[in-house]
Amino acid sequence: MQCLGRANRPPQLRRPRQHSGGRRGREEGSELGDWLVAALHAGEAAGGDSRGRQSAALLVVREKGGYGRASDRYIDLRVEDHPEPNHELSRLLEIHKRFYPNLHRNRPSR
């Protein structure tokens, strides 16, 4: 059985690599949720999943980071059966930031 990983694909099937810029691509005031959504967009821009796209999810866990500090689920967003799930997830993250401004203001220190 032959592995069809990136290196073993014929040249006509290979997708060009795109680098998102690493730490340089992080905006001031952004956080892990933003970085993960940016990674989803970068993956889509680089060719995405060959099976297509239909859903996206984002789960960020932080000790006592949930609503009322009652849980560790800091951000738990899901988009299912949507034509543009990554863009919808980005929109929901922005709504989450506006709806829970105190959670996003009080970031943990390193």
C-alpha atoms as a PDB file:
ATOM      1  CA  MET A   1       0.000   0.000   0.000  1.00  0.00           C
ATOM      2  CA  GLN A   2       1.430   3.360  -1.011  1.00  0.00           C
ATOM      3  CA  CYS A   3       1.270   6.393   1.280  1.00  0.00           C
ATOM      4  CA  LEU A   4      -0.208   9.445  -0.438  1.00  0.00           C
ATOM      5  CA  GLY A   5       1.301  12.004   1.909  1.00  0.00           C
ATOM      6  CA  ARG A   6       2.502  15.337   0.596  1.00  0.00           C
ATOM      7  CA  ALA A   7       5.998  14.121  -0.334  1.00  0.00           C
ATOM      8  CA  ASN A   8       4.726  11.036  -2.186  1.00  0.00           C
ATOM      9  CA  ARG A   9       2.151  12.781  -4.367  1.00  0.00           C
ATOM     10  CA  PRO A  10       2.902  13.322  -8.033  1.00  0.00           C
ATOM     11  CA  PRO A  11       3.926  16.959  -8.749  1.00  0.00           C
ATOM     12  CA  GLN A  12       0.628  17.792 -10.456  1.00  0.00           C
ATOM     13  CA  LEU A  13      -1.291  16.881  -7.257  1.00  0.00           C
ATOM     14  CA  ARG A  14       0.914  18.766  -4.808  1.00  0.00           C
ATOM     15  CA  ARG A  15      -0.366  21.990  -3.349  1.00  0.00           C
ATOM     16  CA  PRO A  16       2.058  24.868  -2.819  1.00  0.00           C
ATOM     17  CA  ARG A  17       3.017  25.537   0.780  1.00  0.00           C
ATOM     18  CA  GLN A  18       1.928  28.837   2.256  1.00  0.00           C
ATOM     19  CA  HIS A  19       3.352  30.184   5.472  1.00  0.00           C
ATOM     20  CA  SER A  20       1.047  32.247   7.687  1.00  0.00           C
ATOM     21  CA  GLY A  21       3.884  34.217   9.253  1.00  0.00           C
ATOM     22  CA  GLY A  22       4.007  32.476  12.621  1.00  0.00           C
ATOM     23  CA  ARG A  23       4.348  34.859  15.563  1.00  0.00           C
ATOM     24  CA  ARG A  24       4.696  37.810  13.211  1.00  0.00           C
ATOM     25  CA  GLY A  25       1.117  37.198  12.009  1.00  0.00           C
ATOM     26  CA  ARG A  26      -0.367  37.621  15.490  1.00  0.00           C
ATOM     27  CA  GLU A  27      -2.041  40.940  16.042  1.00  0.00           C
ATOM     28  CA  GLU A  28      -1.716  42.872  19.269  1.00  0.00           C
ATOM     29  CA  GLY A  29      -4.637  41.977  21.525  1.00  0.00           C
ATOM     30  CA  SER A  30      -5.350  38.693  19.778  1.00  0.00           C
ATOM     31  CA  GLU A  31      -5.550  35.442  21.699  1.00  0.00           C
ATOM     32  CA  LEU A  32      -5.540  31.685  21.201  1.00  0.00           C
ATOM     33  CA  GLY A  33      -9.078  31.549  19.756  1.00  0.00           C
ATOM     34  CA  ASP A  34      -8.112  34.122  17.110  1.00  0.00           C
ATOM     35  CA  TRP A  35      -4.942  32.210  16.249  1.00  0.00           C
ATOM     36  CA  LEU A  36      -6.810  28.914  15.877  1.00  0.00           C
ATOM     37  CA  VAL A  37      -9.450  30.451  13.607  1.00  0.00           C
ATOM     38  CA  ALA A  38      -6.655  32.081  11.564  1.00  0.00           C
ATOM     39  CA  ALA A  39      -5.081  28.622  11.225  1.00  0.00           C
ATOM     40  CA  LEU A  40      -8.383  27.253   9.900  1.00  0.00           C
ATOM     41  CA  HIS A  41      -8.506  30.040   7.309  1.00  0.00           C
ATOM     42  CA  ALA A  42      -4.861  29.422   6.352  1.00  0.00           C
ATOM     43  CA  GLY A  43      -5.563  25.718   5.908  1.00  0.00           C
ATOM     44  CA  GLU A  44      -8.531  26.512   3.702  1.00  0.00           C
ATOM     45  CA  ALA A  45      -6.468  28.981   1.652  1.00  0.00           C
ATOM     46  CA  ALA A  46      -3.780  26.325   1.178  1.00  0.00           C
ATOM     47  CA  GLY A  47      -6.245  23.940  -0.416  1.00  0.00           C
ATOM     48  CA  GLY A  48      -8.378  22.759   2.464  1.00  0.00           C
ATOM     49  CA  ASP A  49      -9.711  19.278   3.011  1.00  0.00           C
ATOM     50  CA  SER A  50     -10.211  17.227  -0.154  1.00  0.00           C
ATOM     51  CA  ARG A  51     -13.557  16.017   1.241  1.00  0.00           C
ATOM     52  CA  GLY A  52     -14.949  19.554   1.247  1.00  0.00           C
ATOM     53  CA  ARG A  53     -16.215  21.588   4.143  1.00  0.00           C
ATOM     54  CA  GLN A  54     -19.410  21.550   6.098  1.00  0.00           C
ATOM     55  CA  SER A  55     -18.655  22.285   9.749  1.00  0.00           C
ATOM     56  CA  ALA A  56     -16.126  23.921  12.053  1.00  0.00           C
ATOM     57  CA  ALA A  57     -15.631  24.089  15.813  1.00  0.00           C
ATOM     58  CA  LEU A  58     -13.507  25.949  18.336  1.00  0.00           C
ATOM     59  CA  LEU A  59     -12.899  24.842  21.920  1.00  0.00           C
ATOM     60  CA  VAL A  60     -10.518  26.777  24.158  1.00  0.00           C
ATOM     61  CA  VAL A  61     -10.182  25.606  27.750  1.00  0.00           C
ATOM     62  CA  ARG A  62      -8.895  27.795  30.566  1.00  0.00           C
ATOM     63  CA  GLU A  63      -9.063  27.100  34.301  1.00  0.00           C
ATOM     64  CA  LYS A  64     -12.277  28.719  35.578  1.00  0.00           C
ATOM     65  CA  GLY A  65     -12.513  30.576  32.283  1.00  0.00           C
ATOM     66  CA  GLY A  66     -16.165  29.779  31.586  1.00  0.00           C
ATOM     67  CA  TYR A  67     -19.249  31.853  32.258  1.00  0.00           C
ATOM     68  CA  GLY A  68     -19.391  32.809  35.938  1.00  0.00           C
ATOM     69  CA  ARG A  69     -16.093  30.938  36.431  1.00  0.00           C
ATOM     70  CA  ALA A  70     -18.258  27.824  36.805  1.00  0.00           C
ATOM     71  CA  SER A  71     -16.446  25.742  34.198  1.00  0.00           C
ATOM     72  CA  ASP A  72     -13.204  25.551  32.235  1.00  0.00           C
ATOM     73  CA  ARG A  73     -14.863  26.063  28.823  1.00  0.00           C
ATOM     74  CA  TYR A  74     -13.568  29.501  27.929  1.00  0.00           C
ATOM     75  CA  ILE A  75     -14.744  29.361  24.299  1.00  0.00           C
ATOM     76  CA  ASP A  76     -16.930  26.569  22.912  1.00  0.00           C
ATOM     77  CA  LEU A  77     -18.329  27.405  19.475  1.00  0.00           C
ATOM     78  CA  ARG A  78     -19.650  25.099  16.748  1.00  0.00           C
ATOM     79  CA  VAL A  79     -20.900  25.610  13.213  1.00  0.00           C
ATOM     80  CA  GLU A  80     -22.636  22.694  11.535  1.00  0.00           C
ATOM     81  CA  ASP A  81     -23.990  22.283   8.021  1.00  0.00           C
ATOM     82  CA  HIS A  82     -23.023  25.735   6.751  1.00  0.00           C
ATOM     83  CA  PRO A  83     -21.714  26.650   3.267  1.00  0.00           C
ATOM     84  CA  GLU A  84     -18.871  28.789   4.756  1.00  0.00           C
ATOM     85  CA  PRO A  85     -18.229  27.260   8.202  1.00  0.00           C
ATOM     86  CA  ASN A  86     -14.847  28.931   8.861  1.00  0.00           C
ATOM     87  CA  HIS A  87     -16.189  32.396   8.113  1.00  0.00           C
ATOM     88  CA  GLU A  88     -19.249  31.735  10.262  1.00  0.00           C
ATOM     89  CA  LEU A  89     -16.989  30.545  13.092  1.00  0.00           C
ATOM     90  CA  SER A  90     -15.015  33.813  12.810  1.00  0.00           C
ATOM     91  CA  ARG A  91     -18.258  35.768  13.030  1.00  0.00           C
ATOM     92  CA  LEU A  92     -19.390  33.814  16.094  1.00  0.00           C
ATOM     93  CA  LEU A  93     -16.032  34.384  17.799  1.00  0.00           C
ATOM     94  CA  GLU A  94     -16.405  38.148  17.313  1.00  0.00           C
ATOM     95  CA  ILE A  95     -19.929  37.983  18.762  1.00  0.00           C
ATOM     96  CA  HIS A  96     -18.557  35.974  21.709  1.00  0.00           C
ATOM     97  CA  LYS A  97     -15.983  38.701  22.364  1.00  0.00           C
ATOM     98  CA  ARG A  98     -18.687  41.396  22.376  1.00  0.00           C
ATOM     99  CA  PHE A  99     -21.094  39.325  24.482  1.00  0.00           C
ATOM    100  CA  TYR A 100     -18.471  38.337  27.105  1.00  0.00           C
ATOM    101  CA  PRO A 101     -16.046  41.295  27.124  1.00  0.00           C
ATOM    102  CA  ASN A 102     -14.851  40.634  30.684  1.00  0.00           C
ATOM    103  CA  LEU A 103     -13.742  37.110  29.817  1.00  0.00           C
ATOM    104  CA  HIS A 104     -11.627  38.390  26.949  1.00  0.00           C
ATOM    105  CA  ARG A 105     -10.254  41.310  28.952  1.00  0.00           C
ATOM    106  CA  ASN A 106      -9.066  39.177  31.875  1.00  0.00           C
ATOM    107  CA  ARG A 107      -6.468  37.006  30.214  1.00  0.00           C
ATOM    108  CA  PRO A 108      -4.246  34.650  32.192  1.00  0.00           C
ATOM    109  CA  SER A 109      -0.635  35.687  32.607  1.00  0.00           C
ATOM    110  CA  ARG A 110       2.245  33.407  31.663  1.00  0.00           C
END
